[in-house]
Amino acid sequence: RGTPYNASQRRVYLPTNMLMERNLSSQNVIRDGHENEDLREVFEIIAHRAEEHLNSARLRKKYIKRDGAKVLLPALVADSYLDALSKVNCNVFDPKFTVRNSML
């Protein structure tokens, strides 16, 4: 979520192995992240993995006692974030994506 801000501060916290698989470096993220298709693929993969984790957690919900189900409440925020990310085609640098959701 903080990639655009961190890139403006010359910091990159993306998985290095994913960047290297697409011949990207942290400098690519800092300099031309907003127009790099390979970087968009990295975010797409990360989003897909996040959705898999959320679905896995929801499947296990039936094994959690009622009091423990509160642990899954942040999944609502994650779902909202992933939906917004898919609407901008996994471009975290899109200005429409940086608008805060007032409901959260």
Protein backbone atom coordinates (compact mmCIF):
# COMPACT_ATOMS: atom_id res chain seq x y z
CA ARG A 1 0.00 0.00 0.00
CA GLY A 2 2.83 2.40 0.75
CA THR A 3 4.87 1.69 -2.36
CA PRO A 4 4.34 5.09 -4.07
CA TYR A 5 5.29 6.98 -0.91
CA ASN A 6 8.24 4.72 -0.15
CA ALA A 7 9.46 4.99 -3.74
CA SER A 8 9.35 8.79 -3.45
CA GLN A 9 11.57 8.40 -0.37
CA ARG A 10 13.90 6.08 -2.35
CA ARG A 11 12.85 2.98 -0.39
CA VAL A 12 11.55 -0.26 -1.89
CA TYR A 13 10.03 -3.05 0.21
CA LEU A 14 9.01 -5.42 -2.58
CA PRO A 15 10.24 -9.03 -2.72
CA THR A 16 13.64 -8.93 -4.41
CA ASN A 17 13.23 -12.35 -5.99
CA MET A 18 10.06 -11.23 -7.77
CA LEU A 19 11.78 -8.12 -9.05
CA MET A 20 14.80 -10.10 -10.25
CA GLU A 21 12.59 -12.62 -12.10
CA ARG A 22 11.37 -9.72 -14.25
CA ASN A 23 14.79 -8.05 -14.58
CA LEU A 24 13.75 -5.17 -12.36
CA SER A 25 15.75 -3.39 -9.71
CA SER A 26 14.76 -1.10 -6.90
CA GLN A 27 15.89 1.80 -9.10
CA ASN A 28 13.28 0.80 -11.70
CA VAL A 29 10.60 1.07 -9.04
CA ILE A 30 11.87 4.44 -7.87
CA ARG A 31 12.37 5.99 -11.31
CA ASP A 32 9.58 4.65 -13.53
CA GLY A 33 7.26 2.59 -11.36
CA HIS A 34 4.12 4.27 -12.60
CA GLU A 35 4.67 3.17 -16.21
CA ASN A 36 6.38 -0.20 -15.83
CA GLU A 37 4.34 -3.22 -16.98
CA ASP A 38 6.68 -5.74 -15.34
CA LEU A 39 6.21 -4.02 -12.00
CA ARG A 40 2.46 -4.16 -12.49
CA GLU A 41 2.80 -7.94 -12.92
CA VAL A 42 4.64 -8.13 -9.59
CA PHE A 43 1.75 -6.36 -7.86
CA GLU A 44 -0.71 -8.63 -9.63
CA ILE A 45 1.08 -11.73 -8.30
CA ILE A 46 1.22 -10.29 -4.78
CA ALA A 47 -2.50 -9.44 -4.93
CA HIS A 48 -3.34 -12.94 -6.16
CA ARG A 49 -1.40 -14.50 -3.29
CA ALA A 50 -3.16 -12.22 -0.82
CA GLU A 51 -6.54 -13.35 -2.18
CA GLU A 52 -5.49 -16.98 -1.81
CA HIS A 53 -4.52 -16.36 1.82
CA LEU A 54 -7.84 -14.62 2.52
CA ASN A 55 -9.81 -17.46 0.95
CA SER A 56 -7.82 -20.01 2.95
CA ALA A 57 -8.52 -18.12 6.17
CA ARG A 58 -12.23 -17.97 5.37
CA LEU A 59 -12.33 -21.72 4.78
CA ARG A 60 -10.80 -22.27 8.20
CA LYS A 61 -13.27 -19.91 9.86
CA LYS A 62 -15.60 -22.77 10.71
CA TYR A 63 -12.89 -24.28 12.93
CA ILE A 64 -12.46 -21.09 14.94
CA LYS A 65 -14.54 -20.50 18.03
CA ARG A 66 -16.90 -17.54 18.01
CA ASP A 67 -14.61 -15.39 20.17
CA GLY A 68 -11.67 -16.03 17.85
CA ALA A 69 -13.53 -14.97 14.72
CA LYS A 70 -12.67 -11.34 15.49
CA VAL A 71 -9.23 -12.11 14.15
CA LEU A 72 -10.71 -12.22 10.65
CA LEU A 73 -12.16 -8.67 10.77
CA PRO A 74 -9.12 -7.13 9.02
CA ALA A 75 -9.96 -9.35 6.05
CA LEU A 76 -12.76 -6.89 5.20
CA VAL A 77 -10.24 -4.09 4.81
CA ALA A 78 -7.95 -6.32 2.77
CA ASP A 79 -10.85 -7.25 0.47
CA SER A 80 -11.67 -3.60 -0.07
CA TYR A 81 -8.04 -2.84 -0.86
CA LEU A 82 -7.75 -5.74 -3.32
CA ASP A 83 -10.98 -4.69 -5.07
CA ALA A 84 -9.69 -1.16 -5.48
CA LEU A 85 -6.37 -2.50 -6.76
CA SER A 86 -8.10 -4.62 -9.38
CA LYS A 87 -10.12 -1.59 -10.58
CA VAL A 88 -6.89 0.23 -11.47
CA ASN A 89 -5.36 -2.85 -13.11
CA CYS A 90 -2.84 -3.39 -10.28
CA ASN A 91 -1.25 0.02 -10.80
CA VAL A 92 -0.50 1.25 -7.29
CA PHE A 93 0.79 4.53 -8.72
CA ASP A 94 -2.61 5.42 -10.23
CA PRO A 95 -3.95 8.65 -8.64
CA LYS A 96 -7.46 7.14 -8.33
CA PHE A 97 -6.03 4.35 -6.19
CA THR A 98 -4.46 6.68 -3.63
CA VAL A 99 -7.81 8.18 -2.55
CA ARG A 100 -8.69 7.00 0.95
CA ASN A 101 -11.86 5.06 1.62
CA SER A 102 -13.80 7.09 4.20
CA MET A 103 -15.78 4.01 5.26
CA LEU A 104 -12.66 2.32 6.64
